[in-house]
Amino acid sequence: RMLAIMSHELRSPLFVITNCVALVLNQKLAPTNRELLTTAKHSGALMVDLLNNVLDLSKLHSDNGIHLKASDTDICSLVSSACKSVAAQVENGEVEIFFEVDPALPRWIWLDRLRLKHALTSVLRIALESTKKGFIVVRAKSVLENAGAEFLEISVQDTGQGMDAEQQDSIFEAFQQGHAESQVARTGLGLY
């Protein structure tokens, strides 16, 4: 409960900071200042993501749980938006991010747009952290199960360093990280 309250209280001033930085970035700036502010903007976005994860985690462990808010969602637009938000963080131009949506997939799907976009963006950011050169591709397709039920499958593939089977098993556990030798500082909250 304390983490939920704390993360909620931290989000308000953080939103003010990131919005102020975004407003200043719209002005004419020296290249060094633009680079510094862009770094601050990206760091702020990562902090908002972390706080959102803490809030979600606290909801999962509360009696109330997480309530999904499903609505008709343009899946192509959602995937495109997530890819664009992460592509803006590519600094060296050596990583391309693109997506493929199966034409057989219905354009409008009933799902929780905000949670899916948040999850996809988090996975894309992790892929970008481990991919120094090459590509990241998101694929969305319809999968038919044995019982005849149809599901949306979204996959992310990258040309990063990869993970062995043991590391793959542990990424869903709290406080586990895929690569100890990684130069990227991560919280290790795990994927949930």
N, C-alpha and C. Protein backbone atom coordinates (compact mmCIF):
# COMPACT_ATOMS: atom_id res chain seq x y z
N ARG A 1 0.83 -1.19 0.00
CA ARG A 1 0.00 0.00 0.00
C ARG A 1 0.87 1.26 0.00
N MET A 2 1.94 1.22 0.81
CA MET A 2 2.82 2.38 0.88
C MET A 2 3.47 2.64 -0.49
N LEU A 3 3.89 1.58 -1.19
CA LEU A 3 4.51 1.76 -2.51
C LEU A 3 3.51 2.38 -3.48
N ALA A 4 2.27 1.96 -3.43
CA ALA A 4 1.25 2.51 -4.32
C ALA A 4 1.05 3.99 -4.06
N ILE A 5 0.96 4.36 -2.79
CA ILE A 5 0.77 5.78 -2.43
C ILE A 5 2.00 6.59 -2.85
N MET A 6 3.18 6.07 -2.54
CA MET A 6 4.41 6.78 -2.86
C MET A 6 4.56 6.96 -4.38
N SER A 7 4.33 5.89 -5.14
CA SER A 7 4.50 6.01 -6.59
C SER A 7 3.45 6.95 -7.19
N HIS A 8 2.25 6.92 -6.63
CA HIS A 8 1.20 7.83 -7.11
C HIS A 8 1.60 9.29 -6.84
N GLU A 9 2.14 9.55 -5.66
CA GLU A 9 2.55 10.91 -5.29
C GLU A 9 3.75 11.38 -6.12
N LEU A 10 4.61 10.48 -6.51
CA LEU A 10 5.78 10.84 -7.31
C LEU A 10 5.42 11.15 -8.76
N ARG A 11 4.35 10.54 -9.25
CA ARG A 11 3.98 10.73 -10.66
C ARG A 11 3.61 12.17 -10.98
N SER A 12 2.89 12.85 -10.10
CA SER A 12 2.44 14.23 -10.40
C SER A 12 3.61 15.17 -10.66
N PRO A 13 4.58 15.28 -9.75
CA PRO A 13 5.69 16.19 -10.05
C PRO A 13 6.53 15.71 -11.24
N LEU A 14 6.61 14.40 -11.43
CA LEU A 14 7.37 13.87 -12.56
C LEU A 14 6.71 14.27 -13.89
N PHE A 15 5.39 14.23 -13.94
CA PHE A 15 4.68 14.67 -15.15
C PHE A 15 4.94 16.14 -15.41
N VAL A 16 4.98 16.97 -14.37
CA VAL A 16 5.27 18.40 -14.55
C VAL A 16 6.67 18.57 -15.13
N ILE A 17 7.63 17.85 -14.58
CA ILE A 17 9.02 17.95 -15.07
C ILE A 17 9.11 17.53 -16.53
N THR A 18 8.54 16.36 -16.88
CA THR A 18 8.65 15.88 -18.26
C THR A 18 7.91 16.79 -19.24
N ASN A 19 6.78 17.35 -18.82
CA ASN A 19 6.05 18.26 -19.70
C ASN A 19 6.80 19.58 -19.89
N CYS A 20 7.43 20.07 -18.84
CA CYS A 20 8.24 21.29 -18.97
C CYS A 20 9.43 21.07 -19.91
N VAL A 21 10.08 19.93 -19.76
CA VAL A 21 11.19 19.59 -20.64
C VAL A 21 10.70 19.52 -22.09
N ALA A 22 9.55 18.89 -22.31
CA ALA A 22 9.00 18.78 -23.66
C ALA A 22 8.72 20.17 -24.25
N LEU A 23 8.20 21.08 -23.43
CA LEU A 23 7.93 22.45 -23.91
C LEU A 23 9.23 23.17 -24.29
N VAL A 24 10.26 23.02 -23.49
CA VAL A 24 11.55 23.66 -23.78
C VAL A 24 12.15 23.06 -25.06
N LEU A 25 11.96 21.75 -25.26
CA LEU A 25 12.50 21.10 -26.47
C LEU A 25 11.85 21.63 -27.75
N ASN A 26 10.69 22.26 -27.64
CA ASN A 26 10.03 22.84 -28.82
C ASN A 26 10.66 24.16 -29.24
N GLN A 27 11.57 24.68 -28.42
CA GLN A 27 12.23 25.95 -28.73
C GLN A 27 13.55 25.70 -29.44
N LYS A 28 14.09 26.77 -29.99
CA LYS A 28 15.40 26.67 -30.64
C LYS A 28 16.47 26.55 -29.55
N LEU A 29 17.30 25.49 -29.65
CA LEU A 29 18.30 25.22 -28.63
C LEU A 29 19.64 24.89 -29.27
N ALA A 30 20.69 25.13 -28.50
CA ALA A 30 22.02 24.69 -28.93
C ALA A 30 22.02 23.16 -28.92
N PRO A 31 22.78 22.52 -29.83
CA PRO A 31 22.77 21.05 -29.91
C PRO A 31 23.07 20.35 -28.58
N THR A 32 24.01 20.88 -27.81
CA THR A 32 24.36 20.27 -26.52
C THR A 32 23.17 20.34 -25.56
N ASN A 33 22.52 21.49 -25.51
CA ASN A 33 21.34 21.64 -24.64
C ASN A 33 20.21 20.73 -25.07
N ARG A 34 20.01 20.60 -26.38
CA ARG A 34 18.96 19.72 -26.89
C ARG A 34 19.25 18.27 -26.49
N GLU A 35 20.51 17.88 -26.61
CA GLU A 35 20.90 16.51 -26.24
C GLU A 35 20.65 16.25 -24.75
N LEU A 36 21.03 17.20 -23.91
CA LEU A 36 20.83 17.05 -22.47
C LEU A 36 19.35 16.98 -22.12
N LEU A 37 18.56 17.83 -22.72
CA LEU A 37 17.11 17.82 -22.43
C LEU A 37 16.44 16.57 -22.98
N THR A 38 16.91 16.09 -24.12
CA THR A 38 16.36 14.84 -24.67
C THR A 38 16.67 13.68 -23.74
N THR A 39 17.87 13.66 -23.19
CA THR A 39 18.22 12.63 -22.21
C THR A 39 17.32 12.73 -20.98
N ALA A 40 17.08 13.96 -20.51
CA ALA A 40 16.20 14.15 -19.36
C ALA A 40 14.77 13.69 -19.67
N LYS A 41 14.32 13.97 -20.88
CA LYS A 41 12.96 13.56 -21.30
C LYS A 41 12.85 12.03 -21.31
N HIS A 42 13.84 11.36 -21.86
CA HIS A 42 13.81 9.89 -21.93
C HIS A 42 13.90 9.29 -20.53
N SER A 43 14.73 9.88 -19.67
CA SER A 43 14.84 9.39 -18.30
C SER A 43 13.53 9.59 -17.55
N GLY A 44 12.88 10.71 -17.79
CA GLY A 44 11.57 10.94 -17.17
C GLY A 44 10.54 9.92 -17.62
N ALA A 45 10.56 9.59 -18.91
CA ALA A 45 9.63 8.57 -19.44
C ALA A 45 9.90 7.22 -18.80
N LEU A 46 11.17 6.89 -18.60
CA LEU A 46 11.51 5.63 -17.94
C LEU A 46 11.05 5.62 -16.49
N MET A 47 11.17 6.77 -15.81
CA MET A 47 10.70 6.86 -14.43
C MET A 47 9.18 6.70 -14.35
N VAL A 48 8.45 7.32 -15.28
CA VAL A 48 7.00 7.17 -15.31
C VAL A 48 6.65 5.71 -15.52
N ASP A 49 7.36 5.05 -16.42
CA ASP A 49 7.14 3.62 -16.66
C ASP A 49 7.37 2.80 -15.40
N LEU A 50 8.46 3.10 -14.72
CA LEU A 50 8.78 2.38 -13.48
C LEU A 50 7.68 2.59 -12.44
N LEU A 51 7.24 3.82 -12.29
CA LEU A 51 6.17 4.10 -11.32
C LEU A 51 4.87 3.40 -11.72
N ASN A 52 4.57 3.36 -13.00
CA ASN A 52 3.38 2.63 -13.46
C ASN A 52 3.51 1.15 -13.14
N ASN A 53 4.71 0.60 -13.31
CA ASN A 53 4.93 -0.81 -12.98
C ASN A 53 4.73 -1.06 -11.49
N VAL A 54 5.22 -0.14 -10.66
CA VAL A 54 5.04 -0.28 -9.21
C VAL A 54 3.56 -0.23 -8.85
N LEU A 55 2.83 0.69 -9.47
CA LEU A 55 1.38 0.78 -9.21
C LEU A 55 0.68 -0.51 -9.64
N ASP A 56 1.02 -1.01 -10.82
CA ASP A 56 0.41 -2.25 -11.29
C ASP A 56 0.74 -3.42 -10.38
N LEU A 57 2.00 -3.48 -9.95
CA LEU A 57 2.42 -4.56 -9.06
C LEU A 57 1.67 -4.50 -7.74
N SER A 58 1.50 -3.29 -7.20
CA SER A 58 0.77 -3.16 -5.94
C SER A 58 -0.70 -3.53 -6.12
N LYS A 59 -1.27 -3.23 -7.29
CA LYS A 59 -2.66 -3.62 -7.56
C LYS A 59 -2.80 -5.14 -7.67
N LEU A 60 -1.80 -5.78 -8.29
CA LEU A 60 -1.83 -7.23 -8.40
C LEU A 60 -1.86 -7.91 -7.03
N HIS A 61 -1.14 -7.31 -6.08
CA HIS A 61 -1.03 -7.90 -4.76
C HIS A 61 -2.10 -7.42 -3.78
N SER A 62 -2.96 -6.53 -4.23
CA SER A 62 -4.03 -6.05 -3.35
C SER A 62 -5.26 -6.93 -3.51
N ASP A 63 -6.23 -6.71 -2.64
CA ASP A 63 -7.48 -7.47 -2.71
C ASP A 63 -8.30 -7.09 -3.94
N ASN A 64 -8.10 -5.87 -4.45
CA ASN A 64 -8.89 -5.39 -5.58
C ASN A 64 -8.40 -5.91 -6.92
N GLY A 65 -7.10 -6.18 -7.03
CA GLY A 65 -6.54 -6.64 -8.30
C GLY A 65 -6.56 -5.56 -9.36
N ILE A 66 -6.23 -5.94 -10.57
CA ILE A 66 -6.23 -5.01 -11.70
C ILE A 66 -7.53 -5.21 -12.47
N HIS A 67 -8.19 -4.11 -12.76
CA HIS A 67 -9.42 -4.16 -13.53
C HIS A 67 -9.11 -3.73 -14.97
N LEU A 68 -9.38 -4.62 -15.90
CA LEU A 68 -9.15 -4.30 -17.30
C LEU A 68 -10.25 -3.39 -17.81
N LYS A 69 -9.87 -2.47 -18.68
CA LYS A 69 -10.82 -1.54 -19.28
C LYS A 69 -10.79 -1.75 -20.78
N ALA A 70 -11.50 -2.76 -21.23
CA ALA A 70 -11.50 -3.11 -22.65
C ALA A 70 -12.37 -2.16 -23.46
N SER A 71 -11.94 -1.95 -24.68
CA SER A 71 -12.71 -1.14 -25.63
C SER A 71 -12.28 -1.55 -27.04
N ASP A 72 -13.05 -1.15 -28.04
CA ASP A 72 -12.64 -1.41 -29.42
C ASP A 72 -11.34 -0.67 -29.68
N THR A 73 -10.33 -1.39 -30.15
CA THR A 73 -9.00 -0.81 -30.34
C THR A 73 -8.50 -1.14 -31.74
N ASP A 74 -8.00 -0.12 -32.41
CA ASP A 74 -7.35 -0.30 -33.71
C ASP A 74 -5.97 -0.87 -33.45
N ILE A 75 -5.80 -2.17 -33.68
CA ILE A 75 -4.57 -2.86 -33.31
C ILE A 75 -3.37 -2.33 -34.11
N CYS A 76 -3.58 -1.98 -35.36
CA CYS A 76 -2.48 -1.45 -36.19
C CYS A 76 -2.00 -0.12 -35.62
N SER A 77 -2.93 0.72 -35.22
CA SER A 77 -2.58 2.02 -34.65
C SER A 77 -1.86 1.85 -33.32
N LEU A 78 -2.31 0.91 -32.49
CA LEU A 78 -1.69 0.67 -31.19
C LEU A 78 -0.23 0.21 -31.36
N VAL A 79 -0.01 -0.77 -32.23
CA VAL A 79 1.34 -1.29 -32.45
C VAL A 79 2.23 -0.20 -33.05
N SER A 80 1.71 0.55 -34.00
CA SER A 80 2.47 1.63 -34.63
C SER A 80 2.87 2.68 -33.59
N SER A 81 1.95 3.05 -32.73
CA SER A 81 2.22 4.06 -31.71
C SER A 81 3.29 3.59 -30.73
N ALA A 82 3.23 2.34 -30.30
CA ALA A 82 4.24 1.80 -29.38
C ALA A 82 5.61 1.80 -30.06
N CYS A 83 5.66 1.39 -31.32
CA CYS A 83 6.94 1.36 -32.06
C CYS A 83 7.51 2.77 -32.21
N LYS A 84 6.66 3.74 -32.54
CA LYS A 84 7.12 5.13 -32.71
C LYS A 84 7.66 5.70 -31.41
N SER A 85 6.99 5.40 -30.29
CA SER A 85 7.45 5.97 -29.02
C SER A 85 8.83 5.43 -28.65
N VAL A 86 9.11 4.18 -28.97
CA VAL A 86 10.43 3.62 -28.66
C VAL A 86 11.44 4.02 -29.73
N ALA A 87 11.02 4.12 -30.98
CA ALA A 87 11.93 4.53 -32.06
C ALA A 87 12.50 5.92 -31.81
N ALA A 88 11.73 6.77 -31.12
CA ALA A 88 12.21 8.11 -30.80
C ALA A 88 13.41 8.07 -29.86
N GLN A 89 13.62 6.93 -29.19
CA GLN A 89 14.75 6.79 -28.26
C GLN A 89 16.01 6.23 -28.93
N VAL A 90 15.91 5.85 -30.20
CA VAL A 90 17.08 5.34 -30.92
C VAL A 90 18.03 6.51 -31.13
N GLU A 91 19.23 6.39 -30.60
CA GLU A 91 20.16 7.52 -30.63
C GLU A 91 21.17 7.45 -31.76
N ASN A 92 21.65 6.27 -32.11
CA ASN A 92 22.73 6.18 -33.08
C ASN A 92 22.26 5.91 -34.50
N GLY A 93 20.98 5.68 -34.70
CA GLY A 93 20.46 5.40 -36.03
C GLY A 93 20.81 4.04 -36.57
N GLU A 94 21.41 3.19 -35.75
CA GLU A 94 21.82 1.87 -36.21
C GLU A 94 20.81 0.78 -35.88
N VAL A 95 19.68 1.17 -35.29
CA VAL A 95 18.62 0.21 -34.97
C VAL A 95 17.33 0.68 -35.65
N GLU A 96 16.74 -0.21 -36.43
CA GLU A 96 15.46 0.08 -37.07
C GLU A 96 14.37 -0.66 -36.32
N ILE A 97 13.24 0.02 -36.12
CA ILE A 97 12.09 -0.60 -35.47
C ILE A 97 10.94 -0.56 -36.47
N PHE A 98 10.38 -1.73 -36.73
CA PHE A 98 9.22 -1.77 -37.63
C PHE A 98 8.25 -2.84 -37.15
N PHE A 99 7.09 -2.88 -37.79
CA PHE A 99 6.07 -3.83 -37.36
C PHE A 99 5.34 -4.42 -38.55
N GLU A 100 4.78 -5.60 -38.31
CA GLU A 100 3.97 -6.30 -39.31
C GLU A 100 2.68 -6.73 -38.64
N VAL A 101 1.56 -6.34 -39.21
CA VAL A 101 0.26 -6.78 -38.72
C VAL A 101 -0.36 -7.67 -39.79
N ASP A 102 -0.68 -8.89 -39.41
CA ASP A 102 -1.27 -9.86 -40.32
C ASP A 102 -2.55 -9.28 -40.92
N PRO A 103 -2.65 -9.23 -42.26
CA PRO A 103 -3.86 -8.68 -42.88
C PRO A 103 -5.12 -9.46 -42.53
N ALA A 104 -4.98 -10.71 -42.11
CA ALA A 104 -6.15 -11.51 -41.72
C ALA A 104 -6.66 -11.12 -40.33
N LEU A 105 -5.86 -10.37 -39.57
CA LEU A 105 -6.26 -9.95 -38.24
C LEU A 105 -7.31 -8.85 -38.35
N PRO A 106 -8.40 -8.95 -37.58
CA PRO A 106 -9.39 -7.86 -37.63
C PRO A 106 -8.73 -6.54 -37.22
N ARG A 107 -9.12 -5.46 -37.85
CA ARG A 107 -8.52 -4.16 -37.52
C ARG A 107 -8.89 -3.73 -36.11
N TRP A 108 -10.13 -3.92 -35.72
CA TRP A 108 -10.62 -3.52 -34.40
C TRP A 108 -10.74 -4.74 -33.51
N ILE A 109 -10.12 -4.66 -32.33
CA ILE A 109 -10.12 -5.78 -31.39
C ILE A 109 -10.54 -5.24 -30.02
N TRP A 110 -11.32 -6.02 -29.29
CA TRP A 110 -11.80 -5.65 -27.97
C TRP A 110 -10.73 -6.01 -26.94
N LEU A 111 -10.03 -4.99 -26.40
CA LEU A 111 -8.96 -5.24 -25.43
C LEU A 111 -8.68 -3.99 -24.62
N ASP A 112 -7.84 -4.13 -23.59
CA ASP A 112 -7.44 -3.01 -22.76
C ASP A 112 -6.26 -2.33 -23.46
N ARG A 113 -6.56 -1.28 -24.20
CA ARG A 113 -5.58 -0.59 -25.03
C ARG A 113 -4.39 -0.06 -24.22
N LEU A 114 -4.66 0.60 -23.10
CA LEU A 114 -3.58 1.21 -22.32
C LEU A 114 -2.64 0.17 -21.74
N ARG A 115 -3.19 -0.92 -21.21
CA ARG A 115 -2.33 -1.95 -20.61
C ARG A 115 -1.51 -2.68 -21.68
N LEU A 116 -2.14 -2.97 -22.83
CA LEU A 116 -1.40 -3.65 -23.89
C LEU A 116 -0.29 -2.75 -24.42
N LYS A 117 -0.60 -1.48 -24.63
CA LYS A 117 0.43 -0.56 -25.14
C LYS A 117 1.56 -0.42 -24.12
N HIS A 118 1.22 -0.34 -22.85
CA HIS A 118 2.24 -0.23 -21.80
C HIS A 118 3.13 -1.46 -21.80
N ALA A 119 2.54 -2.65 -21.87
CA ALA A 119 3.32 -3.89 -21.87
C ALA A 119 4.21 -3.97 -23.11
N LEU A 120 3.63 -3.66 -24.28
CA LEU A 120 4.40 -3.73 -25.53
C LEU A 120 5.54 -2.72 -25.52
N THR A 121 5.28 -1.51 -25.05
CA THR A 121 6.33 -0.50 -24.99
C THR A 121 7.44 -0.92 -24.05
N SER A 122 7.09 -1.54 -22.92
CA SER A 122 8.12 -2.02 -21.98
C SER A 122 8.99 -3.09 -22.63
N VAL A 123 8.37 -4.03 -23.33
CA VAL A 123 9.15 -5.08 -23.99
C VAL A 123 10.02 -4.48 -25.09
N LEU A 124 9.50 -3.51 -25.83
CA LEU A 124 10.28 -2.85 -26.89
C LEU A 124 11.48 -2.10 -26.30
N ARG A 125 11.29 -1.45 -25.16
CA ARG A 125 12.41 -0.73 -24.53
C ARG A 125 13.50 -1.71 -24.10
N ILE A 126 13.10 -2.85 -23.56
CA ILE A 126 14.08 -3.86 -23.18
C ILE A 126 14.83 -4.35 -24.42
N ALA A 127 14.09 -4.57 -25.52
CA ALA A 127 14.73 -5.00 -26.77
C ALA A 127 15.72 -3.95 -27.27
N LEU A 128 15.34 -2.68 -27.16
CA LEU A 128 16.22 -1.60 -27.62
C LEU A 128 17.48 -1.52 -26.75
N GLU A 129 17.34 -1.75 -25.45
CA GLU A 129 18.51 -1.72 -24.56
C GLU A 129 19.54 -2.77 -24.94
N SER A 130 19.10 -3.91 -25.44
CA SER A 130 20.05 -4.99 -25.75
C SER A 130 20.42 -5.04 -27.23
N THR A 131 19.86 -4.16 -28.03
CA THR A 131 20.13 -4.16 -29.47
C THR A 131 20.92 -2.90 -29.82
N LYS A 132 22.17 -3.08 -30.11
CA LYS A 132 23.03 -1.94 -30.45
C LYS A 132 23.03 -1.66 -31.95
N LYS A 133 22.76 -2.69 -32.75
CA LYS A 133 22.80 -2.56 -34.19
C LYS A 133 21.86 -3.61 -34.78
N GLY A 134 21.10 -3.23 -35.79
CA GLY A 134 20.21 -4.20 -36.43
C GLY A 134 18.77 -3.75 -36.43
N PHE A 135 17.88 -4.63 -35.96
CA PHE A 135 16.47 -4.30 -36.05
C PHE A 135 15.69 -4.87 -34.87
N ILE A 136 14.50 -4.30 -34.70
CA ILE A 136 13.49 -4.82 -33.78
C ILE A 136 12.21 -4.86 -34.59
N VAL A 137 11.54 -5.99 -34.60
CA VAL A 137 10.29 -6.10 -35.34
C VAL A 137 9.19 -6.63 -34.42
N VAL A 138 8.03 -6.00 -34.52
CA VAL A 138 6.85 -6.44 -33.78
C VAL A 138 5.91 -7.08 -34.79
N ARG A 139 5.42 -8.26 -34.44
CA ARG A 139 4.46 -8.95 -35.31
C ARG A 139 3.17 -9.19 -34.54
N ALA A 140 2.05 -8.86 -35.16
CA ALA A 140 0.74 -9.12 -34.56
C ALA A 140 -0.03 -10.03 -35.51
N LYS A 141 -0.57 -11.11 -34.94
CA LYS A 141 -1.33 -12.04 -35.78
C LYS A 141 -2.41 -12.71 -34.94
N SER A 142 -3.31 -13.35 -35.64
CA SER A 142 -4.38 -14.10 -35.00
C SER A 142 -3.96 -15.55 -34.89
N VAL A 143 -4.19 -16.15 -33.72
CA VAL A 143 -3.84 -17.54 -33.50
C VAL A 143 -5.10 -18.29 -33.11
N LEU A 144 -5.34 -19.39 -33.81
CA LEU A 144 -6.51 -20.22 -33.53
C LEU A 144 -6.09 -21.39 -32.65
N GLU A 145 -6.72 -21.52 -31.49
CA GLU A 145 -6.43 -22.62 -30.57
C GLU A 145 -7.23 -23.86 -30.94
N ASN A 146 -6.87 -25.00 -30.36
CA ASN A 146 -7.55 -26.27 -30.63
C ASN A 146 -9.04 -26.21 -30.39
N ALA A 147 -9.46 -25.48 -29.35
CA ALA A 147 -10.88 -25.41 -29.00
C ALA A 147 -11.64 -24.46 -29.92
N GLY A 148 -10.97 -23.88 -30.88
CA GLY A 148 -11.62 -22.98 -31.83
C GLY A 148 -11.58 -21.52 -31.40
N ALA A 149 -11.02 -21.23 -30.23
CA ALA A 149 -10.92 -19.85 -29.76
C ALA A 149 -9.82 -19.13 -30.53
N GLU A 150 -10.05 -17.86 -30.80
CA GLU A 150 -9.09 -17.05 -31.54
C GLU A 150 -8.43 -16.07 -30.58
N PHE A 151 -7.10 -15.97 -30.65
CA PHE A 151 -6.35 -15.10 -29.76
C PHE A 151 -5.44 -14.19 -30.57
N LEU A 152 -5.15 -13.03 -30.00
CA LEU A 152 -4.18 -12.11 -30.57
C LEU A 152 -2.81 -12.51 -30.05
N GLU A 153 -1.85 -12.67 -30.96
CA GLU A 153 -0.48 -12.96 -30.57
C GLU A 153 0.41 -11.83 -31.05
N ILE A 154 1.14 -11.25 -30.13
CA ILE A 154 2.09 -10.19 -30.47
C ILE A 154 3.47 -10.69 -30.07
N SER A 155 4.41 -10.66 -31.00
CA SER A 155 5.77 -11.09 -30.72
C SER A 155 6.74 -9.96 -31.04
N VAL A 156 7.85 -9.96 -30.33
CA VAL A 156 8.91 -8.97 -30.56
C VAL A 156 10.19 -9.74 -30.82
N GLN A 157 10.82 -9.45 -31.94
CA GLN A 157 12.09 -10.09 -32.31
C GLN A 157 13.13 -8.99 -32.47
N ASP A 158 14.34 -9.25 -31.99
CA ASP A 158 15.40 -8.27 -32.16
C ASP A 158 16.71 -8.97 -32.48
N THR A 159 17.70 -8.19 -32.86
CA THR A 159 19.02 -8.73 -33.17
C THR A 159 19.99 -8.49 -32.02
N GLY A 160 19.45 -8.36 -30.81
CA GLY A 160 20.27 -8.16 -29.61
C GLY A 160 20.98 -9.43 -29.20
N GLN A 161 21.59 -9.39 -28.02
CA GLN A 161 22.45 -10.49 -27.57
C GLN A 161 21.70 -11.76 -27.22
N GLY A 162 20.41 -11.71 -27.00
CA GLY A 162 19.63 -12.92 -26.74
C GLY A 162 19.78 -13.44 -25.32
N MET A 163 19.02 -14.49 -25.03
CA MET A 163 19.02 -15.09 -23.70
C MET A 163 19.01 -16.60 -23.83
N ASP A 164 19.72 -17.28 -22.93
CA ASP A 164 19.66 -18.74 -22.94
C ASP A 164 18.38 -19.20 -22.25
N ALA A 165 18.09 -20.50 -22.31
CA ALA A 165 16.83 -21.06 -21.78
C ALA A 165 16.65 -20.76 -20.29
N GLU A 166 17.72 -20.85 -19.51
CA GLU A 166 17.63 -20.59 -18.07
C GLU A 166 17.24 -19.14 -17.80
N GLN A 167 17.83 -18.21 -18.54
CA GLN A 167 17.50 -16.80 -18.39
C GLN A 167 16.05 -16.54 -18.80
N GLN A 168 15.58 -17.20 -19.85
CA GLN A 168 14.20 -17.02 -20.31
C GLN A 168 13.21 -17.47 -19.24
N ASP A 169 13.53 -18.55 -18.55
CA ASP A 169 12.64 -19.04 -17.49
C ASP A 169 12.56 -18.06 -16.33
N SER A 170 13.64 -17.34 -16.05
CA SER A 170 13.67 -16.49 -14.86
C SER A 170 13.13 -15.08 -15.08
N ILE A 171 12.87 -14.64 -16.32
CA ILE A 171 12.46 -13.25 -16.53
C ILE A 171 11.09 -12.94 -15.96
N PHE A 172 10.29 -13.95 -15.64
CA PHE A 172 8.98 -13.70 -15.07
C PHE A 172 9.02 -13.68 -13.54
N GLU A 173 10.21 -13.82 -12.97
CA GLU A 173 10.36 -13.80 -11.52
C GLU A 173 10.82 -12.41 -11.09
N ALA A 174 10.33 -11.97 -9.93
CA ALA A 174 10.70 -10.65 -9.43
C ALA A 174 12.20 -10.59 -9.13
N PHE A 175 12.78 -9.43 -9.39
CA PHE A 175 14.17 -9.12 -9.09
C PHE A 175 15.15 -9.99 -9.85
N GLN A 176 14.78 -10.46 -11.01
CA GLN A 176 15.68 -11.23 -11.87
C GLN A 176 15.98 -10.41 -13.11
N GLN A 177 17.20 -10.55 -13.60
CA GLN A 177 17.60 -9.86 -14.81
C GLN A 177 18.19 -10.87 -15.77
N GLY A 178 18.02 -10.60 -17.07
CA GLY A 178 18.49 -11.53 -18.08
C GLY A 178 19.99 -11.62 -18.19
N HIS A 179 20.69 -10.49 -18.13
CA HIS A 179 22.13 -10.48 -18.36
C HIS A 179 22.83 -9.72 -17.25
N ALA A 180 23.61 -10.43 -16.47
CA ALA A 180 24.35 -9.79 -15.39
C ALA A 180 25.41 -8.85 -15.95
N GLU A 181 25.93 -9.18 -17.14
CA GLU A 181 27.00 -8.37 -17.71
C GLU A 181 26.49 -7.17 -18.49
N SER A 182 25.18 -6.98 -18.53
CA SER A 182 24.59 -5.87 -19.27
C SER A 182 25.05 -4.53 -18.69
N GLN A 183 25.25 -3.58 -19.55
CA GLN A 183 25.64 -2.23 -19.14
C GLN A 183 24.43 -1.38 -18.77
N VAL A 184 23.23 -1.94 -18.93
CA VAL A 184 22.00 -1.19 -18.68
C VAL A 184 21.52 -1.45 -17.27
N ALA A 185 21.25 -0.39 -16.52
CA ALA A 185 20.73 -0.54 -15.15
C ALA A 185 19.24 -0.84 -15.23
N ARG A 186 18.84 -1.97 -14.64
CA ARG A 186 17.43 -2.35 -14.64
C ARG A 186 16.99 -2.61 -13.22
N THR A 187 15.70 -2.51 -13.00
CA THR A 187 15.16 -2.76 -11.66
C THR A 187 15.03 -4.23 -11.38
N GLY A 188 14.88 -5.06 -12.41
CA GLY A 188 14.70 -6.49 -12.19
C GLY A 188 13.35 -6.82 -11.60
N LEU A 189 12.33 -6.01 -11.87
CA LEU A 189 10.99 -6.30 -11.34
C LEU A 189 10.38 -7.50 -12.02
N GLY A 190 10.91 -7.91 -13.14
CA GLY A 190 10.37 -9.05 -13.86
C GLY A 190 9.17 -8.64 -14.70
N LEU A 191 8.83 -9.51 -15.63
CA LEU A 191 7.64 -9.25 -16.45
C LEU A 191 6.49 -9.97 -15.79
N TYR A 192 5.35 -9.33 -15.72
CA TYR A 192 4.20 -9.97 -15.09
C TYR A 192 2.96 -9.77 -15.91
